[in-house]
């Protein structure tokens, strides 16, 4: 602990401005609105288009850790993690969630984020309805 506690390598050129951690994975929100996630990934909760756990083997962190694709020209303003899922509040005030199906607010039980093509523009925003 203290000075002997190692820092988490998240990559060069960015500064983390928030971290979310819960259940089996963690995410960092960077100063440019990008996200990186690491930990277990059984249902795509990392949002990287595969089911590979990250951060438990050498060479998986830092610059080797890919950013989560949120969609064309989208950045995150906030991020929250739960057990097997992640949600981000985007720059256009929309919310996108990925990971274990049934917890994503998308009206189905489909897991998202663990297959190629699940993320980015293909990931639907949560329909929160209209305001008051």
Protein backbone atom coordinates (compact mmCIF):
# COMPACT_ATOMS: atom_id res chain seq x y z
CA UNK A 1 0.00 0.00 0.00
CA UNK A 2 1.00 3.63 -0.05
CA UNK A 3 4.05 4.33 -2.22
CA UNK A 4 4.44 0.59 -2.91
CA UNK A 5 0.99 0.36 -4.55
CA UNK A 6 1.39 0.19 -8.33
CA UNK A 7 -0.57 2.52 -10.58
CA UNK A 8 -2.84 1.19 -13.32
CA UNK A 9 -1.25 1.72 -16.76
CA UNK A 10 -3.92 3.30 -18.96
CA UNK A 11 -1.80 4.65 -21.82
CA UNK A 12 0.10 7.76 -22.79
CA UNK A 13 -1.23 11.18 -23.68
CA UNK A 14 -4.49 11.02 -21.71
CA UNK A 15 -5.55 11.82 -18.17
CA UNK A 16 -8.28 9.88 -16.39
CA UNK A 17 -10.93 12.21 -14.99
CA UNK A 18 -13.23 9.51 -13.56
CA UNK A 19 -13.12 5.80 -12.75
CA UNK A 20 -16.04 3.41 -12.33
CA UNK A 21 -15.57 -0.01 -10.75
CA UNK A 22 -18.12 -2.62 -9.74
CA UNK A 23 -18.58 -6.35 -9.89
CA UNK A 24 -16.04 -7.77 -12.28
CA UNK A 25 -14.62 -4.87 -14.29
CA UNK A 26 -13.53 -1.22 -14.22
CA UNK A 27 -13.61 1.70 -16.66
CA UNK A 28 -11.71 4.96 -16.89
CA UNK A 29 -13.17 8.09 -18.49
CA UNK A 30 -10.45 10.25 -20.01
CA UNK A 31 -10.09 13.99 -20.50
CA UNK A 32 -11.01 13.66 -24.20
CA UNK A 33 -14.24 11.75 -23.48
CA UNK A 34 -12.84 8.36 -24.45
CA UNK A 35 -13.28 5.23 -22.31
CA UNK A 36 -11.10 2.23 -21.56
CA UNK A 37 -12.32 -0.85 -19.68
CA UNK A 38 -10.53 -3.80 -18.09
CA UNK A 39 -11.39 -6.84 -16.02
CA UNK A 40 -13.63 -9.84 -16.70
CA UNK A 41 -15.59 -9.81 -19.93
CA UNK A 42 -17.93 -12.81 -19.97
CA UNK A 43 -20.86 -10.87 -21.49
CA UNK A 44 -19.09 -8.03 -23.30
CA UNK A 45 -19.11 -5.62 -20.36
CA UNK A 46 -15.79 -4.19 -21.53
CA UNK A 47 -17.40 -3.12 -24.83
CA UNK A 48 -14.46 -4.23 -26.96
CA UNK A 49 -16.25 -6.55 -29.40
CA UNK A 50 -14.93 -9.76 -27.85
CA UNK A 51 -15.11 -11.80 -24.65
CA UNK A 52 -11.42 -11.53 -23.73
CA UNK A 53 -10.62 -10.48 -20.16
CA UNK A 54 -8.14 -7.60 -19.99
CA UNK A 55 -5.63 -6.62 -17.32
CA UNK A 56 -4.76 -10.05 -15.99
CA UNK A 57 -1.89 -10.78 -18.40
CA UNK A 58 1.26 -8.83 -19.31
CA UNK A 59 0.92 -6.54 -22.33
CA UNK A 60 -2.84 -5.97 -22.05
CA UNK A 61 -2.88 -2.55 -20.38
CA UNK A 62 -1.52 0.89 -21.21
CA UNK A 63 -1.36 1.75 -24.90
CA UNK A 64 -2.30 -1.88 -25.76
CA UNK A 65 -5.72 -1.48 -24.10
CA UNK A 66 -8.18 -0.34 -26.79
CA UNK A 67 -10.72 2.42 -26.27
CA UNK A 68 -14.43 1.60 -26.28
CA UNK A 69 -16.18 2.62 -29.52
CA UNK A 70 -19.17 4.81 -28.63
CA UNK A 71 -20.16 5.78 -32.18
CA UNK A 72 -19.20 8.33 -34.79
CA UNK A 73 -18.15 11.61 -33.17
CA UNK A 74 -19.47 10.55 -29.74
CA UNK A 75 -17.65 11.00 -26.47
CA UNK A 76 -18.61 10.11 -22.92
CA UNK A 77 -19.40 12.58 -20.15
CA UNK A 78 -19.96 9.97 -17.43
CA UNK A 79 -19.64 6.21 -16.97
CA UNK A 80 -21.05 3.69 -14.51
CA UNK A 81 -20.35 -0.02 -14.16
CA UNK A 82 -22.39 -2.79 -12.62
CA UNK A 83 -21.94 -6.52 -12.35
CA UNK A 84 -21.38 -7.46 -16.00
CA UNK A 85 -22.54 -4.24 -17.66
CA UNK A 86 -21.47 -0.65 -18.35
CA UNK A 87 -23.45 2.50 -19.23
CA UNK A 88 -22.15 5.81 -20.54
CA UNK A 89 -23.80 9.22 -20.73
CA UNK A 90 -22.72 10.63 -24.09
CA UNK A 91 -22.04 14.15 -25.28
CA UNK A 92 -25.47 14.36 -26.96
CA UNK A 93 -27.20 13.40 -23.65
CA UNK A 94 -28.00 9.91 -24.91
CA UNK A 95 -27.18 6.82 -22.85
CA UNK A 96 -25.59 3.66 -24.24
CA UNK A 97 -25.25 0.45 -22.24
CA UNK A 98 -23.45 -2.80 -23.02
CA UNK A 99 -22.72 -6.10 -21.37
CA UNK A 100 -25.11 -8.65 -19.85
CA UNK A 101 -28.47 -8.66 -21.67
CA UNK A 102 -31.59 -7.83 -19.70
CA UNK A 103 -29.74 -5.14 -17.70
CA UNK A 104 -29.17 -2.70 -20.56
CA UNK A 105 -32.56 -0.99 -20.83
CA UNK A 106 -32.94 -2.00 -24.47
CA UNK A 107 -36.14 -4.03 -24.09
CA UNK A 108 -34.58 -7.44 -24.67
CA UNK A 109 -32.20 -9.95 -23.10
CA UNK A 110 -29.48 -9.72 -25.75
CA UNK A 111 -25.95 -9.22 -24.43
CA UNK A 112 -24.04 -6.55 -26.31
CA UNK A 113 -20.39 -5.55 -26.58
CA UNK A 114 -18.91 -9.03 -26.81
CA UNK A 115 -19.16 -9.59 -30.56
CA UNK A 116 -17.62 -7.73 -33.52
CA UNK A 117 -20.05 -5.08 -34.71
CA UNK A 118 -21.89 -4.73 -31.37
CA UNK A 119 -20.45 -1.33 -30.46
CA UNK A 120 -20.09 2.10 -32.04
CA UNK A 121 -22.93 3.22 -34.28
CA UNK A 122 -24.47 -0.29 -34.08
CA UNK A 123 -25.11 -0.01 -30.34
CA UNK A 124 -28.55 1.53 -29.81
CA UNK A 125 -29.10 4.27 -27.27
CA UNK A 126 -31.43 3.57 -24.37
CA UNK A 127 -34.90 5.01 -25.04
CA UNK A 128 -35.54 7.19 -22.02
CA UNK A 129 -38.69 8.79 -23.48
CA UNK A 130 -39.35 12.50 -23.63
CA UNK A 131 -38.80 14.95 -20.84
CA UNK A 132 -41.50 16.48 -18.65
